[in-house]
C-alpha atoms as a PDB file:
ATOM      1  CA  UNK A   1      -3.999  22.504  44.262  1.00  0.00           C
ATOM      2  CA  UNK A   2      -5.640  24.086  41.273  1.00  0.00           C
ATOM      3  CA  UNK A   3      -2.219  25.246  39.995  1.00  0.00           C
ATOM      4  CA  UNK A   4      -0.861  21.614  40.309  1.00  0.00           C
ATOM      5  CA  UNK A   5      -3.770  20.078  38.450  1.00  0.00           C
ATOM      6  CA  UNK A   6      -3.582  22.719  35.577  1.00  0.00           C
ATOM      7  CA  UNK A   7       0.152  22.057  35.384  1.00  0.00           C
ATOM      8  CA  UNK A   8      -0.352  18.438  35.112  1.00  0.00           C
ATOM      9  CA  UNK A   9      -3.110  18.862  32.586  1.00  0.00           C
ATOM     10  CA  UNK A  10      -0.915  21.144  30.422  1.00  0.00           C
ATOM     11  CA  UNK A  11       1.935  18.735  30.526  1.00  0.00           C
ATOM     12  CA  UNK A  12      -0.159  15.923  29.436  1.00  0.00           C
ATOM     13  CA  UNK A  13      -1.683  17.959  26.584  1.00  0.00           C
ATOM     14  CA  UNK A  14       1.797  18.846  25.366  1.00  0.00           C
ATOM     15  CA  UNK A  15       2.860  15.229  25.513  1.00  0.00           C
ATOM     16  CA  UNK A  16      -0.234  14.222  23.487  1.00  0.00           C
ATOM     17  CA  UNK A  17       0.443  16.959  20.912  1.00  0.00           C
ATOM     18  CA  UNK A  18       4.074  15.892  20.489  1.00  0.00           C
ATOM     19  CA  UNK A  19       3.124  12.214  20.030  1.00  0.00           C
ATOM     20  CA  UNK A  20       0.649  13.307  17.318  1.00  0.00           C
ATOM     21  CA  UNK A  21       3.483  15.150  15.352  1.00  0.00           C
ATOM     22  CA  UNK A  22       5.750  12.066  15.637  1.00  0.00           C
ATOM     23  CA  UNK A  23       3.126   9.746  14.267  1.00  0.00           C
ATOM     24  CA  UNK A  24       2.418  12.185  11.394  1.00  0.00           C
ATOM     25  CA  UNK A  25       6.135  12.320  10.561  1.00  0.00           C
ATOM     26  CA  UNK A  26       6.191   8.530  10.596  1.00  0.00           C
ATOM     27  CA  UNK A  27       3.476   8.202   8.305  1.00  0.00           C
ATOM     28  CA  UNK A  28       4.928  10.684   5.897  1.00  0.00           C
ATOM     29  CA  UNK A  29       8.295   8.965   5.906  1.00  0.00           C
ATOM     30  CA  UNK A  30       6.534   5.571   5.330  1.00  0.00           C
ATOM     31  CA  UNK A  31       4.782   6.999   2.332  1.00  0.00           C
ATOM     32  CA  UNK A  32       8.045   8.427   0.921  1.00  0.00           C
ATOM     33  CA  UNK A  33       9.962   5.188   1.236  1.00  0.00           C
ATOM     34  CA  UNK A  34       7.324   2.826   0.298  1.00  0.00           C
ATOM     35  CA  UNK A  35       7.699   0.834  -2.911  1.00  0.00           C
ATOM     36  CA  UNK A  36      10.778  -0.808  -4.304  1.00  0.00           C
ATOM     37  CA  UNK A  37      13.800   1.313  -4.886  1.00  0.00           C
ATOM     38  CA  UNK A  38      15.176   1.624  -8.380  1.00  0.00           C
ATOM     39  CA  UNK A  39      18.073  -1.026  -8.658  1.00  0.00           C
ATOM     40  CA  UNK A  40      19.765   0.293 -11.698  1.00  0.00           C
ATOM     41  CA  UNK A  41      21.594   3.461 -11.742  1.00  0.00           C
ATOM     42  CA  UNK A  42      19.533   6.233 -13.578  1.00  0.00           C
ATOM     43  CA  UNK A  43      16.347   4.031 -13.344  1.00  0.00           C
ATOM     44  CA  UNK A  44      13.196   5.426 -11.960  1.00  0.00           C
ATOM     45  CA  UNK A  45      10.355   4.001 -10.031  1.00  0.00           C
ATOM     46  CA  UNK A  46       7.033   3.440 -11.917  1.00  0.00           C
ATOM     47  CA  UNK A  47       5.473   6.587 -10.427  1.00  0.00           C
ATOM     48  CA  UNK A  48       8.557   8.766 -11.090  1.00  0.00           C
ATOM     49  CA  UNK A  49       8.691   7.373 -14.621  1.00  0.00           C
ATOM     50  CA  UNK A  50       5.005   8.074 -15.284  1.00  0.00           C
ATOM     51  CA  UNK A  51       5.305  11.600 -14.017  1.00  0.00           C
ATOM     52  CA  UNK A  52       8.384  12.320 -16.211  1.00  0.00           C
ATOM     53  CA  UNK A  53       6.705  10.826 -19.293  1.00  0.00           C
ATOM     54  CA  UNK A  54       3.464  12.894 -18.571  1.00  0.00           C
ATOM     55  CA  UNK A  55       5.444  16.046 -18.575  1.00  0.00           C
ATOM     56  CA  UNK A  56       7.171  14.991 -21.826  1.00  0.00           C
ATOM     57  CA  UNK A  57       3.908  14.118 -23.497  1.00  0.00           C
ATOM     58  CA  UNK A  58       2.086  17.218 -22.353  1.00  0.00           C
ATOM     59  CA  UNK A  59       0.454  19.029 -25.175  1.00  0.00           C
ATOM     60  CA  UNK A  60       0.858  16.309 -27.723  1.00  0.00           C
ATOM     61  CA  UNK A  61      -1.599  16.414 -30.550  1.00  0.00           C
ATOM     62  CA  UNK A  62      -2.077  12.712 -31.210  1.00  0.00           C
ATOM     63  CA  UNK A  63      -4.755  10.181 -30.806  1.00  0.00           C
ATOM     64  CA  UNK A  64      -5.291   8.609 -27.312  1.00  0.00           C
ATOM     65  CA  UNK A  65      -4.155   5.246 -28.545  1.00  0.00           C
ATOM     66  CA  UNK A  66      -0.946   6.698 -29.879  1.00  0.00           C
ATOM     67  CA  UNK A  67      -0.115   8.585 -26.753  1.00  0.00           C
ATOM     68  CA  UNK A  68      -0.957   5.474 -24.522  1.00  0.00           C
ATOM     69  CA  UNK A  69       1.451   3.409 -26.570  1.00  0.00           C
ATOM     70  CA  UNK A  70       4.194   5.916 -26.381  1.00  0.00           C
ATOM     71  CA  UNK A  71       3.487   6.348 -22.602  1.00  0.00           C
ATOM     72  CA  UNK A  72       4.020   2.652 -22.146  1.00  0.00           C
ATOM     73  CA  UNK A  73       7.313   2.710 -23.936  1.00  0.00           C
ATOM     74  CA  UNK A  74       8.533   5.852 -22.337  1.00  0.00           C
ATOM     75  CA  UNK A  75       7.669   4.407 -18.780  1.00  0.00           C
ATOM     76  CA  UNK A  76       9.391   1.039 -19.635  1.00  0.00           C
ATOM     77  CA  UNK A  77      12.568   2.861 -20.757  1.00  0.00           C
ATOM     78  CA  UNK A  78      12.771   5.100 -17.856  1.00  0.00           C
ATOM     79  CA  UNK A  79      12.245   2.259 -15.344  1.00  0.00           C
ATOM     80  CA  UNK A  80      15.204   0.398 -17.005  1.00  0.00           C
ATOM     81  CA  UNK A  81      17.473   3.377 -16.916  1.00  0.00           C
ATOM     82  CA  UNK A  82      17.256   4.395 -20.550  1.00  0.00           C
ATOM     83  CA  UNK A  83      16.357   7.958 -20.473  1.00  0.00           C
END
């Protein structure tokens, strides 16, 4: 009797753990695929363009206003597919 109850309890715990993993994978996939895909070949999404421009601008010794202006132009160009 105790063996049967413990077997059923173990099976239910395993099923619960597996469903939690599946839900976590679903959430990760939804985050990765959320947002609009880039329609033009070579174009980036806004977040991709921002990251790329930030790496390009890293270490620039200019005023914040100048860097912000260049960042906006850079992001616009990358989102349109103009690298």
